[in-house]
Amino acid sequence: MKRSWKIGIALAGAFVLVLAAGGAALASGRMHDGFVKRRVTRHIDQALDAVGATSAQRDAVHAARDHVFATIAANREAERGDMQAALSLWESERMDPAAIASLRAHHQAAAKKTGDAVVQALSDAHDALTAPQRQQLADYLRSHKPPQNQKWSDGAKPFVRHMVAERLDDMLDQIHATADQRAKVTAAVDRAFATISANFDDHAAHFDDAVAVFTADQIDQAKLASLQAERQAKMQQAGDAIVQALTEAHDALDAGQRHEVAAFVRAHHPRHGE
C-alpha cells in the first residue's frame, strides 16, 4: 500500500540530497533493474571527481552507497508479502483498521531502516572527505541544484499525475465503473495526490540545512535527527492520504469490482509473484 513516487537522487550529495529530498526517497521508488543505482552512482562519481577524491575516499563513499542500496533491497525482499496482504485486505468486505495499522507499521519500520542507513552514509561520506573537499562539494551541489523557484510541480508532478490518471482510467474501464463510481474514486485519488505532491515541493527549503550539516567539522546529530524526523512526518502524512483514498475507493466499488482491481494490480505489479 505504499509507493508510487520516484525521485532521482544525486550523489555523494546523494547523501546530502537524500536528506534534503526526503531520507527514504530512495526506498520509495523501484530500482528498475539497477537504473536508479546507476544514476545515483553516476552523480556520486561526478561529485567525487569535482572534489578530487582519492581512491580510498571513493571506496569509502561507494561502501556507504552500497550499504544504503543493500538496506533498500532487503526491505523490498521483506515487502513481498505485504502486497498480497494489502490486496487481500482490499478484497475483503471491510477495510480492517487493525490490519491497515499492521501493514503501515511494517512499512514505517522499513522506511526507518532506510533512513538510518542514509544517515549513516552521510556520516561516513562526511568523515571520508577533508574540510576543503566538503566545502568544494557544497559549492558543487549549490551550482547543480535547480533554481530556487523551480518546484517539483514544474516538471515531474504533471508527468506523474498524467501516468496515474491514465492507469486509473484503464482500471476503471476494465471494471466497468459507473459515472458515480468514477467520480468518487477519481476524487479520492486526486486528494491523495495533492497531499503527496505537496510534500515534495518543499525540498529546496531544506537544501541549505542539509548542506550546512554536511560541511560542518562535526555532523550535528540533533539537526540530522530533526531533518530525518521531518521527512518521516511527511511520509506519515502521505500514508494517511493513501489509506483514506483506498478506503473511499473500496467503499465506492462492489465486491466483484474490487476483485477485478486486485487482479489488475497483480498483473501490473512488476515484482508480484516472483
C-alpha atoms as a PDB file:
ATOM      1  CA  MET A   1       0.000   0.000   0.000  1.00  0.00           C
ATOM      2  CA  LYS A   2       2.770   2.272  -0.410  1.00  0.00           C
ATOM      3  CA  ARG A   3       4.719   3.693  -3.083  1.00  0.00           C
ATOM      4  CA  SER A   4       4.144   5.411  -6.301  1.00  0.00           C
ATOM      5  CA  TRP A   5       6.695   8.129  -6.037  1.00  0.00           C
ATOM      6  CA  LYS A   6      10.162   8.145  -7.515  1.00  0.00           C
ATOM      7  CA  ILE A   7      12.839  10.754  -7.069  1.00  0.00           C
ATOM      8  CA  GLY A   8      16.138  10.675  -8.889  1.00  0.00           C
ATOM      9  CA  ILE A   9      18.657  11.124  -6.126  1.00  0.00           C
ATOM     10  CA  ALA A  10      22.003  12.681  -6.595  1.00  0.00           C
ATOM     11  CA  LEU A  11      25.444  11.983  -5.479  1.00  0.00           C
ATOM     12  CA  ALA A  12      27.707  11.919  -2.508  1.00  0.00           C
ATOM     13  CA  GLY A  13      25.373  14.604  -2.261  1.00  0.00           C
ATOM     14  CA  ALA A  14      23.123  11.696  -2.891  1.00  0.00           C
ATOM     15  CA  PHE A  15      23.667  11.604   0.823  1.00  0.00           C
ATOM     16  CA  VAL A  16      23.086  15.325   1.224  1.00  0.00           C
ATOM     17  CA  LEU A  17      20.287  15.443  -1.301  1.00  0.00           C
ATOM     18  CA  VAL A  18      18.668  12.307   0.003  1.00  0.00           C
ATOM     19  CA  LEU A  19      18.353  14.155   3.275  1.00  0.00           C
ATOM     20  CA  ALA A  20      17.124  17.294   1.599  1.00  0.00           C
ATOM     21  CA  ALA A  21      14.761  15.432  -0.676  1.00  0.00           C
ATOM     22  CA  GLY A  22      13.451  13.083   1.943  1.00  0.00           C
ATOM     23  CA  GLY A  23      15.572  10.395   3.519  1.00  0.00           C
ATOM     24  CA  ALA A  24      13.600   7.369   2.485  1.00  0.00           C
ATOM     25  CA  ALA A  25      13.039   8.650  -1.004  1.00  0.00           C
ATOM     26  CA  LEU A  26      15.378   6.055  -2.378  1.00  0.00           C
ATOM     27  CA  ALA A  27      13.152   3.400  -0.940  1.00  0.00           C
ATOM     28  CA  SER A  28      10.040   4.967  -2.352  1.00  0.00           C
ATOM     29  CA  GLY A  29      10.935   4.092  -5.932  1.00  0.00           C
ATOM     30  CA  ARG A  30      11.634   0.778  -7.558  1.00  0.00           C
ATOM     31  CA  MET A  31      15.129   0.038  -8.784  1.00  0.00           C
ATOM     32  CA  HIS A  32      14.146  -0.751 -12.379  1.00  0.00           C
ATOM     33  CA  ASP A  33      16.927  -3.321 -12.738  1.00  0.00           C
ATOM     34  CA  GLY A  34      19.588  -1.036 -11.423  1.00  0.00           C
ATOM     35  CA  PHE A  35      18.644   2.132 -13.320  1.00  0.00           C
ATOM     36  CA  VAL A  36      18.290   4.219 -10.161  1.00  0.00           C
ATOM     37  CA  LYS A  37      21.503   2.823  -8.694  1.00  0.00           C
ATOM     38  CA  ARG A  38      23.401   3.573 -11.898  1.00  0.00           C
ATOM     39  CA  ARG A  39      22.025   7.095 -11.951  1.00  0.00           C
ATOM     40  CA  VAL A  40      22.907   7.738  -8.314  1.00  0.00           C
ATOM     41  CA  THR A  41      26.374   6.243  -8.825  1.00  0.00           C
ATOM     42  CA  ARG A  42      26.981   8.483 -11.823  1.00  0.00           C
ATOM     43  CA  HIS A  43      26.096  11.575  -9.781  1.00  0.00           C
ATOM     44  CA  ILE A  44      28.255  10.395  -6.896  1.00  0.00           C
ATOM     45  CA  ASP A  45      31.248   9.842  -9.154  1.00  0.00           C
ATOM     46  CA  GLN A  46      30.799  13.225 -10.812  1.00  0.00           C
ATOM     47  CA  ALA A  47      30.803  14.871  -7.392  1.00  0.00           C
ATOM     48  CA  LEU A  48      33.854  12.920  -6.289  1.00  0.00           C
ATOM     49  CA  ASP A  49      35.628  13.992  -9.470  1.00  0.00           C
ATOM     50  CA  ALA A  50      34.736  17.601  -8.673  1.00  0.00           C
ATOM     51  CA  VAL A  51      36.419  17.418  -5.255  1.00  0.00           C
ATOM     52  CA  GLY A  52      39.441  15.411  -6.412  1.00  0.00           C
ATOM     53  CA  ALA A  53      38.671  12.411  -4.220  1.00  0.00           C
ATOM     54  CA  THR A  54      41.380   9.798  -3.733  1.00  0.00           C
ATOM     55  CA  SER A  55      40.877   6.092  -4.392  1.00  0.00           C
ATOM     56  CA  ALA A  56      40.497   5.438  -0.676  1.00  0.00           C
ATOM     57  CA  GLN A  57      37.891   8.197  -0.338  1.00  0.00           C
ATOM     58  CA  ARG A  58      35.983   6.851  -3.331  1.00  0.00           C
ATOM     59  CA  ASP A  59      35.994   3.377  -1.807  1.00  0.00           C
ATOM     60  CA  ALA A  60      34.615   4.736   1.478  1.00  0.00           C
ATOM     61  CA  VAL A  61      31.832   6.690  -0.225  1.00  0.00           C
ATOM     62  CA  HIS A  62      30.955   3.778  -2.510  1.00  0.00           C
ATOM     63  CA  ALA A  63      30.764   1.469   0.503  1.00  0.00           C
ATOM     64  CA  ALA A  64      28.368   3.913   2.158  1.00  0.00           C
ATOM     65  CA  ARG A  65      26.283   3.995  -1.021  1.00  0.00           C
ATOM     66  CA  ASP A  66      26.242   0.200  -1.223  1.00  0.00           C
ATOM     67  CA  HIS A  67      25.029  -0.053   2.375  1.00  0.00           C
ATOM     68  CA  VAL A  68      22.051   2.171   1.533  1.00  0.00           C
ATOM     69  CA  PHE A  69      21.127   0.108  -1.515  1.00  0.00           C
ATOM     70  CA  ALA A  70      21.608  -3.168   0.349  1.00  0.00           C
ATOM     71  CA  THR A  71      19.210  -1.917   3.027  1.00  0.00           C
ATOM     72  CA  ILE A  72      16.655  -0.954   0.392  1.00  0.00           C
ATOM     73  CA  ALA A  73      16.983  -4.340  -1.326  1.00  0.00           C
ATOM     74  CA  ALA A  74      16.499  -6.177   1.963  1.00  0.00           C
ATOM     75  CA  ASN A  75      13.408  -4.101   2.700  1.00  0.00           C
ATOM     76  CA  ARG A  76      11.952  -4.830  -0.712  1.00  0.00           C
ATOM     77  CA  GLU A  77      12.509  -8.540  -0.254  1.00  0.00           C
ATOM     78  CA  ALA A  78      10.695  -8.401   3.076  1.00  0.00           C
ATOM     79  CA  GLU A  79       7.825  -6.469   1.499  1.00  0.00           C
ATOM     80  CA  ARG A  80       6.811  -9.163  -0.970  1.00  0.00           C
ATOM     81  CA  GLY A  81       4.230 -10.500   1.428  1.00  0.00           C
ATOM     82  CA  ASP A  82       2.869  -7.021   2.083  1.00  0.00           C
ATOM     83  CA  MET A  83       1.415  -6.708  -1.411  1.00  0.00           C
ATOM     84  CA  GLN A  84      -0.615  -9.888  -1.053  1.00  0.00           C
ATOM     85  CA  ALA A  85      -1.750  -8.863   2.421  1.00  0.00           C
ATOM     86  CA  ALA A  86      -2.799  -5.447   1.130  1.00  0.00           C
ATOM     87  CA  LEU A  87      -4.725  -6.937  -1.781  1.00  0.00           C
ATOM     88  CA  SER A  88      -6.472  -9.426   0.484  1.00  0.00           C
ATOM     89  CA  LEU A  89      -7.463  -6.541   2.738  1.00  0.00           C
ATOM     90  CA  TRP A  90      -8.709  -4.602  -0.296  1.00  0.00           C
ATOM     91  CA  GLU A  91     -10.843  -7.554  -1.447  1.00  0.00           C
ATOM     92  CA  SER A  92     -12.436  -8.001   1.965  1.00  0.00           C
ATOM     93  CA  GLU A  93     -15.879  -6.638   2.748  1.00  0.00           C
ATOM     94  CA  ARG A  94     -14.425  -4.122   5.187  1.00  0.00           C
ATOM     95  CA  MET A  95     -11.059  -2.390   5.399  1.00  0.00           C
ATOM     96  CA  ASP A  96      -9.949  -3.567   8.833  1.00  0.00           C
ATOM     97  CA  PRO A  97      -8.233  -0.654  10.667  1.00  0.00           C
ATOM     98  CA  ALA A  98      -6.079  -3.063  12.709  1.00  0.00           C
ATOM     99  CA  ALA A  99      -4.819  -4.788   9.557  1.00  0.00           C
ATOM    100  CA  ILE A 100      -4.123  -1.421   7.947  1.00  0.00           C
ATOM    101  CA  ALA A 101      -2.210  -0.306  11.034  1.00  0.00           C
ATOM    102  CA  SER A 102      -0.132  -3.509  10.964  1.00  0.00           C
ATOM    103  CA  LEU A 103       0.817  -3.045   7.323  1.00  0.00           C
ATOM    104  CA  ARG A 104       1.689   0.593   7.890  1.00  0.00           C
ATOM    105  CA  ALA A 105       3.808  -0.222  10.922  1.00  0.00           C
ATOM    106  CA  HIS A 106       5.769  -2.736   8.847  1.00  0.00           C
ATOM    107  CA  HIS A 107       6.272  -0.176   6.087  1.00  0.00           C
ATOM    108  CA  GLN A 108       7.288   2.551   8.523  1.00  0.00           C
ATOM    109  CA  ALA A 109       9.839   0.262  10.173  1.00  0.00           C
ATOM    110  CA  ALA A 110      11.365  -0.479   6.772  1.00  0.00           C
ATOM    111  CA  ALA A 111      11.453   3.223   5.924  1.00  0.00           C
ATOM    112  CA  LYS A 112      13.148   3.929   9.263  1.00  0.00           C
ATOM    113  CA  LYS A 113      15.845   1.367   8.445  1.00  0.00           C
ATOM    114  CA  THR A 114      16.463   3.051   5.114  1.00  0.00           C
ATOM    115  CA  GLY A 115      16.538   6.483   6.738  1.00  0.00           C
ATOM    116  CA  ASP A 116      19.048   5.234   9.293  1.00  0.00           C
ATOM    117  CA  ALA A 117      21.203   3.801   6.504  1.00  0.00           C
ATOM    118  CA  VAL A 118      21.125   7.141   4.683  1.00  0.00           C
ATOM    119  CA  VAL A 119      22.129   8.989   7.861  1.00  0.00           C
ATOM    120  CA  GLN A 120      24.997   6.566   8.366  1.00  0.00           C
ATOM    121  CA  ALA A 121      26.053   7.021   4.743  1.00  0.00           C
ATOM    122  CA  LEU A 122      26.026  10.777   5.203  1.00  0.00           C
ATOM    123  CA  SER A 123      28.239  10.436   8.274  1.00  0.00           C
ATOM    124  CA  ASP A 124      30.608   8.047   6.500  1.00  0.00           C
ATOM    125  CA  ALA A 125      30.906  10.321   3.459  1.00  0.00           C
ATOM    126  CA  HIS A 126      31.470  13.325   5.734  1.00  0.00           C
ATOM    127  CA  ASP A 127      34.290  11.570   7.576  1.00  0.00           C
ATOM    128  CA  ALA A 128      35.895  10.306   4.352  1.00  0.00           C
ATOM    129  CA  LEU A 129      36.376  13.813   2.951  1.00  0.00           C
ATOM    130  CA  THR A 130      38.523  16.668   4.190  1.00  0.00           C
ATOM    131  CA  ALA A 131      37.038  20.007   5.256  1.00  0.00           C
ATOM    132  CA  PRO A 132      38.118  21.719   1.985  1.00  0.00           C
ATOM    133  CA  GLN A 133      36.615  18.859  -0.032  1.00  0.00           C
ATOM    134  CA  ARG A 134      33.343  19.112   1.861  1.00  0.00           C
ATOM    135  CA  GLN A 135      33.227  22.815   1.059  1.00  0.00           C
ATOM    136  CA  GLN A 136      34.003  22.069  -2.591  1.00  0.00           C
ATOM    137  CA  LEU A 137      31.203  19.522  -2.564  1.00  0.00           C
ATOM    138  CA  ALA A 138      28.815  22.069  -1.097  1.00  0.00           C
ATOM    139  CA  ASP A 139      29.740  24.539  -3.857  1.00  0.00           C
ATOM    140  CA  TYR A 140      29.255  21.797  -6.444  1.00  0.00           C
ATOM    141  CA  LEU A 141      25.815  20.930  -5.061  1.00  0.00           C
ATOM    142  CA  ARG A 142      24.720  24.550  -4.989  1.00  0.00           C
ATOM    143  CA  SER A 143      25.813  25.041  -8.589  1.00  0.00           C
ATOM    144  CA  HIS A 144      23.877  21.986  -9.727  1.00  0.00           C
ATOM    145  CA  LYS A 145      20.641  22.378  -7.809  1.00  0.00           C
ATOM    146  CA  PRO A 146      17.510  23.608  -9.631  1.00  0.00           C
ATOM    147  CA  PRO A 147      16.632  27.315  -9.427  1.00  0.00           C
ATOM    148  CA  GLN A 148      15.049  28.283  -6.110  1.00  0.00           C
ATOM    149  CA  ASN A 149      11.698  28.940  -7.749  1.00  0.00           C
ATOM    150  CA  GLN A 150      11.671  25.653  -9.661  1.00  0.00           C
ATOM    151  CA  LYS A 151       9.491  23.147  -7.862  1.00  0.00           C
ATOM    152  CA  TRP A 152       8.818  19.502  -8.467  1.00  0.00           C
ATOM    153  CA  SER A 153       5.445  20.667  -9.796  1.00  0.00           C
ATOM    154  CA  ASP A 154       7.206  22.316 -12.734  1.00  0.00           C
ATOM    155  CA  GLY A 155       8.402  19.014 -14.121  1.00  0.00           C
ATOM    156  CA  ALA A 156       7.876  15.626 -12.549  1.00  0.00           C
ATOM    157  CA  LYS A 157       4.492  16.213 -10.920  1.00  0.00           C
ATOM    158  CA  PRO A 158       2.450  16.776 -14.104  1.00  0.00           C
ATOM    159  CA  PHE A 159       4.105  13.755 -15.705  1.00  0.00           C
ATOM    160  CA  VAL A 160       3.444  11.512 -12.717  1.00  0.00           C
ATOM    161  CA  ARG A 161      -0.113  12.819 -12.410  1.00  0.00           C
ATOM    162  CA  HIS A 162      -0.702  12.025 -16.084  1.00  0.00           C
ATOM    163  CA  MET A 163       0.612   8.482 -15.637  1.00  0.00           C
ATOM    164  CA  VAL A 164      -1.533   7.948 -12.541  1.00  0.00           C
ATOM    165  CA  ALA A 165      -4.620   9.259 -14.345  1.00  0.00           C
ATOM    166  CA  GLU A 166      -4.022   7.001 -17.339  1.00  0.00           C
ATOM    167  CA  ARG A 167      -3.545   3.916 -15.191  1.00  0.00           C
ATOM    168  CA  LEU A 168      -6.618   4.794 -13.133  1.00  0.00           C
ATOM    169  CA  ASP A 169      -8.728   5.296 -16.267  1.00  0.00           C
ATOM    170  CA  ASP A 170      -7.565   1.936 -17.625  1.00  0.00           C
ATOM    171  CA  MET A 171      -8.527   0.218 -14.405  1.00  0.00           C
ATOM    172  CA  LEU A 172     -11.931   1.920 -14.173  1.00  0.00           C
ATOM    173  CA  ASP A 173     -12.644   0.991 -17.785  1.00  0.00           C
ATOM    174  CA  GLN A 174     -11.727  -2.614 -17.097  1.00  0.00           C
ATOM    175  CA  ILE A 175     -14.068  -2.920 -14.119  1.00  0.00           C
ATOM    176  CA  HIS A 176     -16.910  -1.064 -15.925  1.00  0.00           C
ATOM    177  CA  ALA A 177     -17.178   1.600 -13.249  1.00  0.00           C
ATOM    178  CA  THR A 178     -20.273   3.784 -13.310  1.00  0.00           C
ATOM    179  CA  ALA A 179     -20.041   7.546 -13.694  1.00  0.00           C
ATOM    180  CA  ASP A 180     -20.715   7.953  -9.976  1.00  0.00           C
ATOM    181  CA  GLN A 181     -18.036   5.427  -9.061  1.00  0.00           C
ATOM    182  CA  ARG A 182     -15.564   7.112 -11.394  1.00  0.00           C
ATOM    183  CA  ALA A 183     -16.236  10.462  -9.786  1.00  0.00           C
ATOM    184  CA  LYS A 184     -15.752   9.117  -6.250  1.00  0.00           C
ATOM    185  CA  VAL A 185     -12.593   7.127  -6.993  1.00  0.00           C
ATOM    186  CA  THR A 186     -11.021   9.898  -9.072  1.00  0.00           C
ATOM    187  CA  ALA A 187     -11.745  12.483  -6.380  1.00  0.00           C
ATOM    188  CA  ALA A 188     -10.179  10.216  -3.717  1.00  0.00           C
ATOM    189  CA  VAL A 189      -7.046   9.714  -5.813  1.00  0.00           C
ATOM    190  CA  ASP A 190      -6.807  13.428  -6.592  1.00  0.00           C
ATOM    191  CA  ARG A 191      -6.929  14.327  -2.888  1.00  0.00           C
ATOM    192  CA  ALA A 192      -4.209  11.816  -2.088  1.00  0.00           C
ATOM    193  CA  PHE A 193      -2.054  13.014  -4.968  1.00  0.00           C
ATOM    194  CA  ALA A 194      -2.403  16.628  -3.849  1.00  0.00           C
ATOM    195  CA  THR A 195      -1.231  15.771  -0.338  1.00  0.00           C
ATOM    196  CA  ILE A 196       1.695  13.643  -1.509  1.00  0.00           C
ATOM    197  CA  SER A 197       2.893  16.043  -4.198  1.00  0.00           C
ATOM    198  CA  ALA A 198       2.755  18.986  -1.779  1.00  0.00           C
ATOM    199  CA  ASN A 199       5.260  17.116   0.381  1.00  0.00           C
ATOM    200  CA  PHE A 200       7.754  17.152  -2.489  1.00  0.00           C
ATOM    201  CA  ASP A 201       7.543  20.888  -3.132  1.00  0.00           C
ATOM    202  CA  ASP A 202       9.451  21.914  -0.001  1.00  0.00           C
ATOM    203  CA  HIS A 203      12.706  20.104  -0.719  1.00  0.00           C
ATOM    204  CA  ALA A 204      14.569  23.233  -1.812  1.00  0.00           C
ATOM    205  CA  ALA A 205      13.821  24.814   1.550  1.00  0.00           C
ATOM    206  CA  HIS A 206      15.829  22.070   3.294  1.00  0.00           C
ATOM    207  CA  PHE A 207      18.733  22.041   0.863  1.00  0.00           C
ATOM    208  CA  ASP A 208      20.813  24.661   2.666  1.00  0.00           C
ATOM    209  CA  ASP A 209      20.199  22.984   6.029  1.00  0.00           C
ATOM    210  CA  ALA A 210      21.412  19.653   4.681  1.00  0.00           C
ATOM    211  CA  VAL A 211      24.492  21.206   3.084  1.00  0.00           C
ATOM    212  CA  ALA A 212      25.307  23.044   6.332  1.00  0.00           C
ATOM    213  CA  VAL A 213      25.142  19.785   8.270  1.00  0.00           C
ATOM    214  CA  PHE A 214      27.470  18.093   5.805  1.00  0.00           C
ATOM    215  CA  THR A 215      30.080  20.839   5.606  1.00  0.00           C
ATOM    216  CA  ALA A 216      30.489  21.346   9.363  1.00  0.00           C
ATOM    217  CA  ASP A 217      33.609  19.979  11.042  1.00  0.00           C
ATOM    218  CA  GLN A 218      31.402  17.615  13.001  1.00  0.00           C
ATOM    219  CA  ILE A 219      27.952  16.474  11.998  1.00  0.00           C
ATOM    220  CA  ASP A 220      25.242  17.966  14.184  1.00  0.00           C
ATOM    221  CA  GLN A 221      23.403  14.784  15.159  1.00  0.00           C
ATOM    222  CA  ALA A 222      20.477  16.727  16.627  1.00  0.00           C
ATOM    223  CA  LYS A 223      19.979  18.640  13.383  1.00  0.00           C
ATOM    224  CA  LEU A 224      20.320  15.458  11.386  1.00  0.00           C
ATOM    225  CA  ALA A 225      17.710  13.759  13.553  1.00  0.00           C
ATOM    226  CA  SER A 226      15.430  16.759  13.120  1.00  0.00           C
ATOM    227  CA  LEU A 227      15.710  16.611   9.326  1.00  0.00           C
ATOM    228  CA  GLN A 228      15.059  12.875   9.354  1.00  0.00           C
ATOM    229  CA  ALA A 229      12.070  13.235  11.672  1.00  0.00           C
ATOM    230  CA  GLU A 230      10.584  15.915   9.453  1.00  0.00           C
ATOM    231  CA  ARG A 231      10.801  13.663   6.405  1.00  0.00           C
ATOM    232  CA  GLN A 232       9.257  10.792   8.346  1.00  0.00           C
ATOM    233  CA  ALA A 233       6.383  13.074   9.350  1.00  0.00           C
ATOM    234  CA  LYS A 234       5.839  13.884   5.674  1.00  0.00           C
ATOM    235  CA  MET A 235       5.757  10.174   4.908  1.00  0.00           C
ATOM    236  CA  GLN A 236       3.178   9.717   7.657  1.00  0.00           C
ATOM    237  CA  GLN A 237       1.000  12.393   6.075  1.00  0.00           C
ATOM    238  CA  ALA A 238       1.341  10.711   2.693  1.00  0.00           C
ATOM    239  CA  GLY A 239       0.415   7.356   4.232  1.00  0.00           C
ATOM    240  CA  ASP A 240      -2.678   8.871   5.850  1.00  0.00           C
ATOM    241  CA  ALA A 241      -3.745  10.291   2.485  1.00  0.00           C
ATOM    242  CA  ILE A 242      -3.212   6.970   0.703  1.00  0.00           C
ATOM    243  CA  VAL A 243      -5.161   4.996   3.305  1.00  0.00           C
ATOM    244  CA  GLN A 244      -8.020   7.488   3.120  1.00  0.00           C
ATOM    245  CA  ALA A 245      -8.101   7.274  -0.682  1.00  0.00           C
ATOM    246  CA  LEU A 246      -8.038   3.478  -0.644  1.00  0.00           C
ATOM    247  CA  THR A 247     -10.842   3.364   1.910  1.00  0.00           C
ATOM    248  CA  GLU A 248     -13.007   5.738  -0.132  1.00  0.00           C
ATOM    249  CA  ALA A 249     -12.327   3.802  -3.341  1.00  0.00           C
ATOM    250  CA  HIS A 250     -13.018   0.489  -1.583  1.00  0.00           C
ATOM    251  CA  ASP A 251     -16.386   1.747  -0.373  1.00  0.00           C
ATOM    252  CA  ALA A 252     -17.291   3.107  -3.813  1.00  0.00           C
ATOM    253  CA  LEU A 253     -16.850  -0.250  -5.581  1.00  0.00           C
ATOM    254  CA  ASP A 254     -18.680  -3.543  -5.218  1.00  0.00           C
ATOM    255  CA  ALA A 255     -17.050  -6.854  -4.275  1.00  0.00           C
ATOM    256  CA  GLY A 256     -16.710  -8.036  -7.872  1.00  0.00           C
ATOM    257  CA  GLN A 257     -15.074  -4.809  -8.939  1.00  0.00           C
ATOM    258  CA  ARG A 258     -12.655  -4.905  -6.008  1.00  0.00           C
ATOM    259  CA  HIS A 259     -11.649  -8.416  -7.039  1.00  0.00           C
ATOM    260  CA  GLU A 260     -11.037  -7.178 -10.592  1.00  0.00           C
ATOM    261  CA  VAL A 261      -8.941  -4.291  -9.276  1.00  0.00           C
ATOM    262  CA  ALA A 262      -6.839  -6.742  -7.247  1.00  0.00           C
ATOM    263  CA  ALA A 263      -6.320  -8.882 -10.348  1.00  0.00           C
ATOM    264  CA  PHE A 264      -5.367  -5.751 -12.310  1.00  0.00           C
ATOM    265  CA  VAL A 265      -2.786  -4.783  -9.689  1.00  0.00           C
ATOM    266  CA  ARG A 266      -1.350  -8.306  -9.560  1.00  0.00           C
ATOM    267  CA  ALA A 267      -0.994  -8.334 -13.342  1.00  0.00           C
ATOM    268  CA  HIS A 268       0.734  -4.932 -13.456  1.00  0.00           C
ATOM    269  CA  HIS A 269       2.892  -5.035 -10.328  1.00  0.00           C
ATOM    270  CA  PRO A 270       6.468  -5.590 -11.557  1.00  0.00           C
ATOM    271  CA  ARG A 271       7.583  -7.956  -8.819  1.00  0.00           C
ATOM    272  CA  HIS A 272       4.319  -9.586  -7.770  1.00  0.00           C
ATOM    273  CA  GLY A 273       4.547 -13.315  -7.592  1.00  0.00           C
ATOM    274  CA  GLU A 274       8.325 -13.552  -8.120  1.00  0.00           C
END
